[in-house]
């Protein structure tokens, strides 16, 4: 009886971790050719529907189902969406894809606009996250539009899925999104935008 209680305690406490900032995630690349244009990154924000999880709590010799509501920090919320856009901007700047890269704001002048249009964010089982987004790049010879879908735990082992907390799941999603967005942005820039 002590082993299930110990496992449950460890599982509950494993979710009590501090958030991992997205600026710790880097795209594995080196600075390449720089396009002599200024770029800016813009994004929309979408509301995330909060879900709930059913947790089985031991009460003597039986397990009692307990419905636990998810807090906002367990979701890829508007703050995380803005943080991801800022990290994309930071990585494009670090990789020197453009002469300069800024976040789009009123009065920001740029030659190239990279717009992230978040469509949906879903938190699945085992703290996995799935995101659907569209990237639109304008300011070059022709606009570029592409839809993307990324899942944070794609290809992960069962053990990795069971031991991933919400913060780690978000970081894995950011890593996957950077891995698909940056090559397309670089290709756009190398084509002369």
N, C-alpha and C. Protein backbone atom coordinates (compact mmCIF):
# COMPACT_ATOMS: atom_id res chain seq x y z
N UNK A 1 0.82 -1.20 0.00
CA UNK A 1 0.00 0.00 0.00
C UNK A 1 0.85 1.25 0.00
N UNK A 2 2.03 1.17 0.61
CA UNK A 2 2.90 2.34 0.68
C UNK A 2 3.48 2.70 -0.70
N UNK A 3 3.73 1.70 -1.52
CA UNK A 3 4.33 1.96 -2.83
C UNK A 3 3.42 2.80 -3.73
N UNK A 4 2.10 2.48 -3.86
CA UNK A 4 1.24 3.35 -4.67
C UNK A 4 1.14 4.77 -4.12
N UNK A 5 1.10 4.91 -2.80
CA UNK A 5 1.03 6.25 -2.20
C UNK A 5 2.32 7.01 -2.47
N UNK A 6 3.44 6.33 -2.40
CA UNK A 6 4.72 6.97 -2.68
C UNK A 6 4.81 7.38 -4.15
N UNK A 7 4.35 6.50 -5.04
CA UNK A 7 4.34 6.82 -6.47
C UNK A 7 3.45 8.02 -6.75
N UNK A 8 2.26 8.04 -6.15
CA UNK A 8 1.33 9.14 -6.35
C UNK A 8 1.92 10.45 -5.84
N UNK A 9 2.54 10.42 -4.68
CA UNK A 9 3.17 11.63 -4.12
C UNK A 9 4.27 12.14 -5.03
N UNK A 10 5.10 11.24 -5.52
CA UNK A 10 6.17 11.64 -6.42
C UNK A 10 5.62 12.21 -7.71
N UNK A 11 4.54 11.61 -8.23
CA UNK A 11 3.93 12.09 -9.48
C UNK A 11 3.34 13.48 -9.29
N UNK A 12 2.64 13.70 -8.18
CA UNK A 12 2.03 15.00 -7.92
C UNK A 12 3.12 16.06 -7.74
N UNK A 13 4.15 15.75 -6.98
CA UNK A 13 5.23 16.71 -6.76
C UNK A 13 6.03 17.00 -8.02
N UNK A 14 6.08 16.05 -8.95
CA UNK A 14 6.85 16.28 -10.19
C UNK A 14 6.22 17.39 -11.02
N UNK A 15 4.92 17.63 -10.82
CA UNK A 15 4.27 18.72 -11.54
C UNK A 15 4.52 20.07 -10.91
N UNK A 16 5.10 20.10 -9.72
CA UNK A 16 5.35 21.35 -9.00
C UNK A 16 6.75 21.85 -9.34
N UNK A 17 6.94 22.27 -10.56
CA UNK A 17 8.24 22.78 -10.98
C UNK A 17 8.07 24.19 -11.48
N UNK A 18 9.14 24.93 -11.46
CA UNK A 18 9.06 26.29 -11.98
C UNK A 18 9.12 26.25 -13.50
N UNK A 19 8.61 27.28 -14.10
CA UNK A 19 8.56 27.37 -15.55
C UNK A 19 9.98 27.47 -16.12
N UNK A 20 10.19 26.85 -17.25
CA UNK A 20 11.48 26.94 -17.95
C UNK A 20 11.32 28.04 -18.99
N UNK A 21 12.12 29.11 -18.91
CA UNK A 21 11.98 30.19 -19.89
C UNK A 21 12.37 29.71 -21.28
N UNK A 22 11.65 30.22 -22.28
CA UNK A 22 11.90 29.79 -23.66
C UNK A 22 13.24 30.28 -24.19
N UNK A 23 13.81 31.32 -23.59
CA UNK A 23 15.09 31.82 -24.11
C UNK A 23 16.22 30.83 -23.90
N UNK A 24 15.96 29.76 -23.16
CA UNK A 24 16.98 28.72 -22.99
C UNK A 24 17.02 27.77 -24.18
N UNK A 25 16.02 27.87 -25.07
CA UNK A 25 15.96 26.99 -26.24
C UNK A 25 16.62 27.69 -27.42
N UNK A 26 17.60 27.02 -28.00
CA UNK A 26 18.27 27.58 -29.17
C UNK A 26 18.15 26.64 -30.35
N UNK A 27 18.00 27.23 -31.52
CA UNK A 27 18.01 26.46 -32.76
C UNK A 27 19.44 26.02 -33.01
N UNK A 28 19.66 24.74 -33.32
CA UNK A 28 21.04 24.26 -33.49
C UNK A 28 21.61 24.67 -34.84
N UNK A 29 22.06 25.88 -34.92
CA UNK A 29 22.64 26.36 -36.17
C UNK A 29 23.64 27.45 -35.90
N UNK A 30 24.39 27.77 -36.91
CA UNK A 30 25.38 28.83 -36.79
C UNK A 30 24.95 29.99 -37.67
N UNK A 31 25.44 31.19 -37.36
CA UNK A 31 25.09 32.33 -38.20
C UNK A 31 25.47 32.08 -39.65
N UNK A 32 24.58 32.46 -40.51
CA UNK A 32 24.80 32.25 -41.94
C UNK A 32 24.81 33.58 -42.68
N UNK A 33 24.40 33.51 -43.92
CA UNK A 33 24.34 34.69 -44.76
C UNK A 33 23.28 35.66 -44.23
N UNK A 34 23.62 36.93 -44.20
CA UNK A 34 22.70 37.94 -43.71
C UNK A 34 22.07 38.68 -44.87
N UNK A 35 20.76 38.77 -44.86
CA UNK A 35 20.04 39.56 -45.85
C UNK A 35 20.04 41.00 -45.35
N UNK A 36 20.42 41.92 -46.20
CA UNK A 36 20.55 43.32 -45.79
C UNK A 36 19.18 44.01 -45.75
N UNK A 37 18.29 43.44 -44.96
CA UNK A 37 16.96 44.01 -44.75
C UNK A 37 16.61 43.88 -43.28
N UNK A 38 15.79 44.82 -42.81
CA UNK A 38 15.29 44.74 -41.45
C UNK A 38 14.01 43.90 -41.45
N UNK A 39 13.85 43.09 -40.44
CA UNK A 39 12.66 42.25 -40.34
C UNK A 39 11.98 42.50 -39.00
N UNK A 40 10.71 42.17 -38.96
CA UNK A 40 9.98 42.23 -37.69
C UNK A 40 9.10 41.00 -37.57
N UNK A 41 8.85 40.61 -36.34
CA UNK A 41 8.03 39.43 -36.05
C UNK A 41 6.76 39.91 -35.35
N UNK A 42 5.63 39.47 -35.86
CA UNK A 42 4.33 39.78 -35.25
C UNK A 42 3.59 38.48 -34.99
N UNK A 43 2.61 38.53 -34.11
CA UNK A 43 1.83 37.33 -33.82
C UNK A 43 0.46 37.73 -33.29
N UNK A 44 -0.48 36.83 -33.47
CA UNK A 44 -1.78 37.00 -32.83
C UNK A 44 -1.77 36.18 -31.55
N UNK A 45 -2.79 36.32 -30.76
CA UNK A 45 -2.92 35.52 -29.55
C UNK A 45 -4.28 34.84 -29.57
N UNK A 46 -4.30 33.60 -29.15
CA UNK A 46 -5.57 32.88 -29.09
C UNK A 46 -5.82 32.40 -27.66
N UNK A 47 -7.08 32.31 -27.32
CA UNK A 47 -7.45 31.77 -26.03
C UNK A 47 -7.30 30.26 -26.06
N UNK A 48 -6.90 29.72 -24.96
CA UNK A 48 -6.75 28.27 -24.83
C UNK A 48 -7.85 27.78 -23.92
N UNK A 49 -8.56 26.78 -24.36
CA UNK A 49 -9.62 26.20 -23.54
C UNK A 49 -8.97 25.35 -22.46
N UNK A 50 -9.27 25.67 -21.23
CA UNK A 50 -8.71 24.91 -20.12
C UNK A 50 -9.46 23.60 -19.96
N UNK A 51 -8.72 22.57 -19.71
CA UNK A 51 -9.32 21.26 -19.52
C UNK A 51 -9.25 20.85 -18.07
N UNK A 52 -9.50 19.62 -17.85
CA UNK A 52 -9.38 19.07 -16.50
C UNK A 52 -8.89 17.63 -16.63
N UNK A 53 -8.25 17.17 -15.60
CA UNK A 53 -7.74 15.81 -15.57
C UNK A 53 -8.41 15.05 -14.45
N UNK A 54 -8.58 13.76 -14.65
CA UNK A 54 -9.12 12.92 -13.60
C UNK A 54 -7.94 12.23 -12.92
N UNK A 55 -7.86 12.38 -11.64
CA UNK A 55 -6.78 11.82 -10.85
C UNK A 55 -7.38 10.78 -9.92
N UNK A 56 -6.74 9.63 -9.82
CA UNK A 56 -7.21 8.57 -8.92
C UNK A 56 -6.42 8.66 -7.62
N UNK A 57 -7.13 8.93 -6.52
CA UNK A 57 -6.50 9.13 -5.22
C UNK A 57 -6.83 7.93 -4.34
N UNK A 58 -5.78 7.32 -3.71
CA UNK A 58 -6.06 6.17 -2.85
C UNK A 58 -6.75 6.62 -1.56
N UNK A 59 -7.82 5.95 -1.22
CA UNK A 59 -8.54 6.20 0.04
C UNK A 59 -8.73 4.84 0.70
N UNK A 60 -7.80 4.45 1.50
CA UNK A 60 -7.84 3.13 2.10
C UNK A 60 -7.48 2.08 1.07
N UNK A 61 -8.40 1.17 0.79
CA UNK A 61 -8.13 0.10 -0.16
C UNK A 61 -8.75 0.36 -1.52
N UNK A 62 -9.43 1.48 -1.68
CA UNK A 62 -10.05 1.82 -2.97
C UNK A 62 -9.45 3.12 -3.50
N UNK A 63 -9.57 3.30 -4.81
CA UNK A 63 -9.12 4.54 -5.44
C UNK A 63 -10.35 5.38 -5.77
N UNK A 64 -10.31 6.64 -5.38
CA UNK A 64 -11.43 7.55 -5.60
C UNK A 64 -11.06 8.51 -6.72
N UNK A 65 -11.92 8.65 -7.74
CA UNK A 65 -11.61 9.61 -8.80
C UNK A 65 -11.78 11.04 -8.30
N UNK A 66 -10.83 11.88 -8.66
CA UNK A 66 -10.86 13.27 -8.27
C UNK A 66 -10.64 14.10 -9.53
N UNK A 67 -11.51 15.04 -9.79
CA UNK A 67 -11.41 15.88 -10.97
C UNK A 67 -10.57 17.09 -10.61
N UNK A 68 -9.47 17.28 -11.32
CA UNK A 68 -8.55 18.38 -11.04
C UNK A 68 -8.58 19.35 -12.20
N UNK A 69 -8.87 20.62 -11.92
CA UNK A 69 -8.90 21.64 -12.96
C UNK A 69 -7.48 22.11 -13.23
N UNK A 70 -7.18 22.32 -14.50
CA UNK A 70 -5.84 22.78 -14.87
C UNK A 70 -5.74 24.28 -14.71
N UNK A 71 -4.66 24.72 -14.16
CA UNK A 71 -4.41 26.15 -14.04
C UNK A 71 -3.88 26.71 -15.35
N UNK A 72 -3.81 28.02 -15.42
CA UNK A 72 -3.36 28.69 -16.63
C UNK A 72 -1.90 28.38 -16.95
N UNK A 73 -1.09 28.11 -15.93
CA UNK A 73 0.33 27.84 -16.17
C UNK A 73 0.55 26.48 -16.83
N UNK A 74 -0.45 25.61 -16.79
CA UNK A 74 -0.31 24.31 -17.44
C UNK A 74 -0.63 24.36 -18.92
N UNK A 75 -1.10 25.49 -19.40
CA UNK A 75 -1.47 25.66 -20.80
C UNK A 75 -0.39 26.44 -21.55
N UNK A 76 -0.42 26.37 -22.87
CA UNK A 76 0.44 27.22 -23.70
C UNK A 76 -0.39 28.49 -23.94
N UNK A 77 -0.43 29.35 -22.92
CA UNK A 77 -1.34 30.49 -22.90
C UNK A 77 -0.82 31.68 -23.72
N UNK A 78 -1.53 32.81 -23.65
CA UNK A 78 -1.15 33.99 -24.43
C UNK A 78 0.25 34.48 -24.09
N UNK A 79 0.61 34.40 -22.82
CA UNK A 79 1.97 34.80 -22.43
C UNK A 79 3.02 33.91 -23.06
N UNK A 80 2.75 32.61 -23.13
CA UNK A 80 3.69 31.67 -23.76
C UNK A 80 3.74 31.91 -25.27
N UNK A 81 2.61 32.25 -25.87
CA UNK A 81 2.58 32.53 -27.30
C UNK A 81 3.45 33.75 -27.62
N UNK A 82 3.34 34.79 -26.80
CA UNK A 82 4.17 35.99 -26.99
C UNK A 82 5.64 35.67 -26.74
N UNK A 83 5.91 34.85 -25.72
CA UNK A 83 7.29 34.47 -25.41
C UNK A 83 7.91 33.67 -26.55
N UNK A 84 7.12 32.79 -27.19
CA UNK A 84 7.63 32.03 -28.33
C UNK A 84 7.98 32.96 -29.48
N UNK A 85 7.11 33.92 -29.79
CA UNK A 85 7.38 34.86 -30.89
C UNK A 85 8.66 35.66 -30.59
N UNK A 86 8.84 36.06 -29.34
CA UNK A 86 10.06 36.78 -28.95
C UNK A 86 11.29 35.90 -29.09
N UNK A 87 11.15 34.61 -28.77
CA UNK A 87 12.30 33.69 -28.91
C UNK A 87 12.63 33.45 -30.37
N UNK A 88 11.63 33.37 -31.23
CA UNK A 88 11.88 33.25 -32.66
C UNK A 88 12.65 34.47 -33.15
N UNK A 89 12.22 35.65 -32.72
CA UNK A 89 12.91 36.89 -33.09
C UNK A 89 14.37 36.85 -32.62
N UNK A 90 14.56 36.42 -31.39
CA UNK A 90 15.90 36.35 -30.82
C UNK A 90 16.80 35.38 -31.59
N UNK A 91 16.26 34.24 -31.97
CA UNK A 91 17.05 33.26 -32.71
C UNK A 91 17.38 33.76 -34.12
N UNK A 92 16.43 34.42 -34.77
CA UNK A 92 16.71 34.99 -36.10
C UNK A 92 17.80 36.05 -36.00
N UNK A 93 17.77 36.81 -34.92
CA UNK A 93 18.80 37.83 -34.70
C UNK A 93 20.15 37.17 -34.42
N UNK A 94 20.16 36.14 -33.57
CA UNK A 94 21.41 35.44 -33.24
C UNK A 94 22.02 34.78 -34.46
N UNK A 95 21.17 34.22 -35.32
CA UNK A 95 21.64 33.55 -36.53
C UNK A 95 21.94 34.53 -37.66
N UNK A 96 21.66 35.80 -37.43
CA UNK A 96 21.91 36.89 -38.39
C UNK A 96 21.28 36.60 -39.76
N UNK A 97 20.04 36.17 -39.73
CA UNK A 97 19.32 35.90 -40.97
C UNK A 97 19.02 37.23 -41.68
N UNK A 98 18.69 38.26 -40.89
CA UNK A 98 18.42 39.60 -41.42
C UNK A 98 19.38 40.59 -40.76
N UNK A 99 19.46 41.78 -41.32
CA UNK A 99 20.31 42.83 -40.76
C UNK A 99 19.90 43.10 -39.31
N UNK A 100 18.61 43.18 -39.08
CA UNK A 100 18.08 43.34 -37.72
C UNK A 100 16.70 42.71 -37.67
N UNK A 101 16.31 42.29 -36.48
CA UNK A 101 14.99 41.68 -36.29
C UNK A 101 14.39 42.27 -35.02
N UNK A 102 13.18 42.81 -35.14
CA UNK A 102 12.50 43.41 -33.99
C UNK A 102 11.11 42.81 -33.87
N UNK A 103 10.51 43.01 -32.72
CA UNK A 103 9.10 42.64 -32.55
C UNK A 103 8.27 43.75 -33.18
N UNK A 104 7.24 43.37 -33.90
CA UNK A 104 6.36 44.33 -34.56
C UNK A 104 5.58 45.12 -33.51
N UNK A 105 5.61 46.41 -33.64
CA UNK A 105 4.83 47.29 -32.78
C UNK A 105 4.49 48.53 -33.59
N UNK A 106 3.53 49.32 -33.14
CA UNK A 106 3.21 50.54 -33.89
C UNK A 106 4.46 51.41 -34.06
N UNK A 107 4.71 51.78 -35.28
CA UNK A 107 5.88 52.61 -35.57
C UNK A 107 7.13 51.83 -35.91
N UNK A 108 7.06 50.51 -35.88
CA UNK A 108 8.22 49.70 -36.24
C UNK A 108 8.33 49.64 -37.76
N UNK A 109 9.44 50.11 -38.27
CA UNK A 109 9.67 50.07 -39.71
C UNK A 109 10.51 48.85 -40.03
N UNK A 110 10.03 48.06 -40.98
CA UNK A 110 10.80 46.89 -41.39
C UNK A 110 10.54 46.61 -42.86
N UNK A 111 11.51 45.94 -43.49
CA UNK A 111 11.38 45.56 -44.89
C UNK A 111 10.62 44.24 -45.03
N UNK A 112 10.79 43.37 -44.06
CA UNK A 112 10.19 42.04 -44.10
C UNK A 112 9.37 41.84 -42.82
N UNK A 113 8.15 41.37 -42.98
CA UNK A 113 7.29 41.08 -41.83
C UNK A 113 7.04 39.58 -41.76
N UNK A 114 7.36 39.00 -40.61
CA UNK A 114 7.10 37.58 -40.35
C UNK A 114 5.95 37.53 -39.36
N UNK A 115 4.82 37.03 -39.82
CA UNK A 115 3.63 37.00 -38.97
C UNK A 115 3.26 35.55 -38.61
N UNK A 116 3.16 35.30 -37.31
CA UNK A 116 2.73 34.00 -36.81
C UNK A 116 1.25 34.09 -36.48
N UNK A 117 0.46 33.27 -37.11
CA UNK A 117 -0.97 33.24 -36.85
C UNK A 117 -1.30 31.93 -36.14
N UNK A 118 -1.40 32.00 -34.82
CA UNK A 118 -1.73 30.81 -34.04
C UNK A 118 -3.16 30.40 -34.35
N UNK A 119 -3.36 29.13 -34.65
CA UNK A 119 -4.70 28.62 -34.95
C UNK A 119 -5.26 27.83 -33.78
N UNK A 120 -4.48 26.91 -33.25
CA UNK A 120 -4.95 26.13 -32.11
C UNK A 120 -3.77 25.61 -31.31
N UNK A 121 -4.00 25.48 -30.02
CA UNK A 121 -3.03 24.89 -29.10
C UNK A 121 -3.81 23.92 -28.23
N UNK A 122 -3.35 22.69 -28.18
CA UNK A 122 -4.04 21.66 -27.41
C UNK A 122 -3.04 21.02 -26.46
N UNK A 123 -3.46 20.85 -25.23
CA UNK A 123 -2.64 20.10 -24.27
C UNK A 123 -3.22 18.71 -24.19
N UNK A 124 -2.41 17.74 -24.56
CA UNK A 124 -2.85 16.36 -24.55
C UNK A 124 -2.42 15.62 -23.30
N UNK A 125 -2.51 14.33 -23.38
CA UNK A 125 -2.11 13.48 -22.26
C UNK A 125 -0.60 13.57 -22.05
N UNK A 126 -0.18 13.33 -20.84
CA UNK A 126 1.24 13.29 -20.48
C UNK A 126 1.95 14.61 -20.76
N UNK A 127 1.26 15.72 -20.60
CA UNK A 127 1.85 17.06 -20.78
C UNK A 127 2.43 17.26 -22.17
N UNK A 128 1.79 16.69 -23.16
CA UNK A 128 2.19 16.96 -24.53
C UNK A 128 1.36 18.13 -25.05
N UNK A 129 1.94 18.88 -25.95
CA UNK A 129 1.27 20.04 -26.53
C UNK A 129 1.30 19.90 -28.04
N UNK A 130 0.21 20.29 -28.69
CA UNK A 130 0.14 20.29 -30.14
C UNK A 130 -0.28 21.69 -30.57
N UNK A 131 0.40 22.23 -31.57
CA UNK A 131 0.07 23.57 -32.04
C UNK A 131 -0.06 23.57 -33.55
N UNK A 132 -1.07 24.28 -33.98
CA UNK A 132 -1.28 24.53 -35.40
C UNK A 132 -1.12 26.02 -35.61
N UNK A 133 -0.27 26.39 -36.55
CA UNK A 133 -0.08 27.81 -36.83
C UNK A 133 0.23 28.02 -38.30
N UNK A 134 0.03 29.23 -38.73
CA UNK A 134 0.37 29.64 -40.10
C UNK A 134 1.42 30.73 -40.00
N UNK A 135 2.45 30.63 -40.85
CA UNK A 135 3.45 31.68 -40.93
C UNK A 135 3.30 32.37 -42.28
N UNK A 136 3.22 33.69 -42.22
CA UNK A 136 3.11 34.51 -43.43
C UNK A 136 4.30 35.46 -43.42
N UNK A 137 5.07 35.44 -44.51
CA UNK A 137 6.20 36.36 -44.64
C UNK A 137 5.93 37.26 -45.83
N UNK A 138 5.98 38.56 -45.60
CA UNK A 138 5.78 39.53 -46.68
C UNK A 138 6.95 40.50 -46.71
N UNK A 139 7.09 41.16 -47.84
CA UNK A 139 8.16 42.15 -47.98
C UNK A 139 9.20 41.75 -49.01
N UNK A 140 9.07 40.57 -49.56
CA UNK A 140 10.01 40.12 -50.57
C UNK A 140 9.38 40.16 -51.94
N UNK A 141 9.98 39.45 -52.87
CA UNK A 141 9.46 39.42 -54.24
C UNK A 141 8.06 38.80 -54.28
N UNK A 142 7.84 37.80 -53.45
CA UNK A 142 6.53 37.16 -53.38
C UNK A 142 6.26 36.79 -51.92
N UNK A 143 5.01 36.88 -51.48
CA UNK A 143 4.71 36.48 -50.10
C UNK A 143 4.85 34.97 -49.92
N UNK A 144 5.14 34.58 -48.71
CA UNK A 144 5.30 33.17 -48.37
C UNK A 144 4.26 32.84 -47.31
N UNK A 145 3.50 31.79 -47.51
CA UNK A 145 2.50 31.34 -46.53
C UNK A 145 2.60 29.82 -46.41
N UNK A 146 2.65 29.36 -45.16
CA UNK A 146 2.71 27.92 -44.94
C UNK A 146 2.07 27.59 -43.60
N UNK A 147 1.32 26.48 -43.58
CA UNK A 147 0.71 26.00 -42.34
C UNK A 147 1.62 24.95 -41.71
N UNK A 148 1.70 24.98 -40.38
CA UNK A 148 2.55 24.06 -39.63
C UNK A 148 1.73 23.39 -38.53
N UNK A 149 2.13 22.18 -38.20
CA UNK A 149 1.54 21.47 -37.07
C UNK A 149 2.68 20.76 -36.35
N UNK A 150 2.83 21.04 -35.07
CA UNK A 150 3.91 20.44 -34.30
C UNK A 150 3.35 19.83 -33.02
N UNK A 151 3.92 18.68 -32.65
CA UNK A 151 3.54 17.98 -31.42
C UNK A 151 4.79 17.83 -30.58
N UNK A 152 4.69 18.23 -29.32
CA UNK A 152 5.88 18.28 -28.47
C UNK A 152 6.51 16.92 -28.21
N UNK A 153 5.72 15.87 -28.10
CA UNK A 153 6.29 14.56 -27.75
C UNK A 153 6.34 13.58 -28.91
N UNK A 154 6.31 14.09 -30.12
CA UNK A 154 6.38 13.22 -31.29
C UNK A 154 7.70 12.44 -31.28
N UNK A 155 7.60 11.14 -31.37
CA UNK A 155 8.79 10.29 -31.39
C UNK A 155 9.36 9.99 -30.01
N UNK A 156 8.75 10.49 -28.95
CA UNK A 156 9.27 10.26 -27.59
C UNK A 156 8.92 8.85 -27.12
N UNK A 157 9.75 8.33 -26.26
CA UNK A 157 9.48 7.00 -25.70
C UNK A 157 8.36 7.12 -24.66
N UNK A 158 7.81 6.00 -24.29
CA UNK A 158 6.75 5.99 -23.29
C UNK A 158 7.27 6.54 -21.96
N UNK A 159 8.48 6.18 -21.62
CA UNK A 159 9.08 6.68 -20.38
C UNK A 159 9.23 8.19 -20.39
N UNK A 160 9.68 8.74 -21.53
CA UNK A 160 9.81 10.20 -21.65
C UNK A 160 8.45 10.87 -21.54
N UNK A 161 7.44 10.28 -22.15
CA UNK A 161 6.10 10.87 -22.08
C UNK A 161 5.58 10.91 -20.65
N UNK A 162 5.81 9.84 -19.89
CA UNK A 162 5.29 9.77 -18.53
C UNK A 162 6.06 10.66 -17.56
N UNK A 163 7.30 11.00 -17.89
CA UNK A 163 8.10 11.80 -16.96
C UNK A 163 8.25 13.26 -17.37
N UNK A 164 7.53 13.69 -18.39
CA UNK A 164 7.59 15.08 -18.84
C UNK A 164 6.56 15.91 -18.09
N UNK A 165 7.02 17.02 -17.47
CA UNK A 165 6.07 17.91 -16.82
C UNK A 165 5.61 18.98 -17.83
N UNK A 166 4.64 19.80 -17.45
CA UNK A 166 4.06 20.77 -18.38
C UNK A 166 5.09 21.76 -18.91
N UNK A 167 5.98 22.21 -18.05
CA UNK A 167 6.99 23.17 -18.49
C UNK A 167 7.94 22.55 -19.52
N UNK A 168 8.35 21.32 -19.28
CA UNK A 168 9.21 20.63 -20.24
C UNK A 168 8.47 20.38 -21.55
N UNK A 169 7.18 20.07 -21.49
CA UNK A 169 6.39 19.86 -22.69
C UNK A 169 6.33 21.11 -23.55
N UNK A 170 6.19 22.26 -22.91
CA UNK A 170 6.16 23.54 -23.66
C UNK A 170 7.51 23.80 -24.33
N UNK A 171 8.58 23.55 -23.61
CA UNK A 171 9.93 23.76 -24.17
C UNK A 171 10.16 22.83 -25.36
N UNK A 172 9.69 21.59 -25.26
CA UNK A 172 9.82 20.66 -26.39
C UNK A 172 9.03 21.15 -27.60
N UNK A 173 7.86 21.74 -27.36
CA UNK A 173 7.07 22.30 -28.46
C UNK A 173 7.80 23.47 -29.10
N UNK A 174 8.38 24.34 -28.29
CA UNK A 174 9.15 25.48 -28.82
C UNK A 174 10.31 24.98 -29.67
N UNK A 175 11.01 23.97 -29.19
CA UNK A 175 12.15 23.41 -29.94
C UNK A 175 11.69 22.87 -31.30
N UNK A 176 10.56 22.16 -31.32
CA UNK A 176 10.04 21.61 -32.58
C UNK A 176 9.60 22.71 -33.54
N UNK A 177 8.95 23.75 -33.00
CA UNK A 177 8.50 24.85 -33.86
C UNK A 177 9.68 25.60 -34.46
N UNK A 178 10.70 25.87 -33.66
CA UNK A 178 11.89 26.55 -34.20
C UNK A 178 12.53 25.70 -35.30
N UNK A 179 12.52 24.38 -35.11
CA UNK A 179 13.14 23.48 -36.08
C UNK A 179 12.43 23.48 -37.43
N UNK A 180 11.14 23.82 -37.47
CA UNK A 180 10.44 23.85 -38.76
C UNK A 180 10.30 25.26 -39.32
N UNK A 181 10.24 26.26 -38.46
CA UNK A 181 10.06 27.64 -38.95
C UNK A 181 11.36 28.26 -39.47
N UNK A 182 12.44 28.11 -38.73
CA UNK A 182 13.69 28.80 -39.09
C UNK A 182 14.24 28.38 -40.46
N UNK A 183 14.24 27.09 -40.83
CA UNK A 183 14.72 26.75 -42.17
C UNK A 183 13.91 27.42 -43.29
N UNK A 184 12.61 27.54 -43.11
CA UNK A 184 11.79 28.20 -44.12
C UNK A 184 12.06 29.71 -44.18
N UNK A 185 12.29 30.32 -43.02
CA UNK A 185 12.62 31.75 -43.00
C UNK A 185 13.98 31.97 -43.64
N UNK A 186 14.94 31.10 -43.33
CA UNK A 186 16.28 31.22 -43.95
C UNK A 186 16.19 31.05 -45.48
N UNK A 187 15.41 30.09 -45.93
CA UNK A 187 15.25 29.88 -47.38
C UNK A 187 14.64 31.11 -48.04
N UNK A 188 13.68 31.73 -47.37
CA UNK A 188 13.05 32.95 -47.88
C UNK A 188 14.08 34.06 -48.00
N UNK A 189 14.89 34.22 -46.95
CA UNK A 189 15.92 35.26 -46.94
C UNK A 189 17.00 34.98 -47.97
N UNK A 190 17.41 33.73 -48.11
CA UNK A 190 18.46 33.38 -49.08
C UNK A 190 17.99 33.54 -50.51
N UNK A 191 16.68 33.45 -50.71
CA UNK A 191 16.14 33.66 -52.05
C UNK A 191 16.12 35.15 -52.41
N UNK A 192 16.55 35.97 -51.46
CA UNK A 192 16.65 37.40 -51.71
C UNK A 192 15.44 38.18 -51.24
N UNK A 193 14.54 37.50 -50.58
CA UNK A 193 13.31 38.10 -50.06
C UNK A 193 12.76 39.02 -51.09
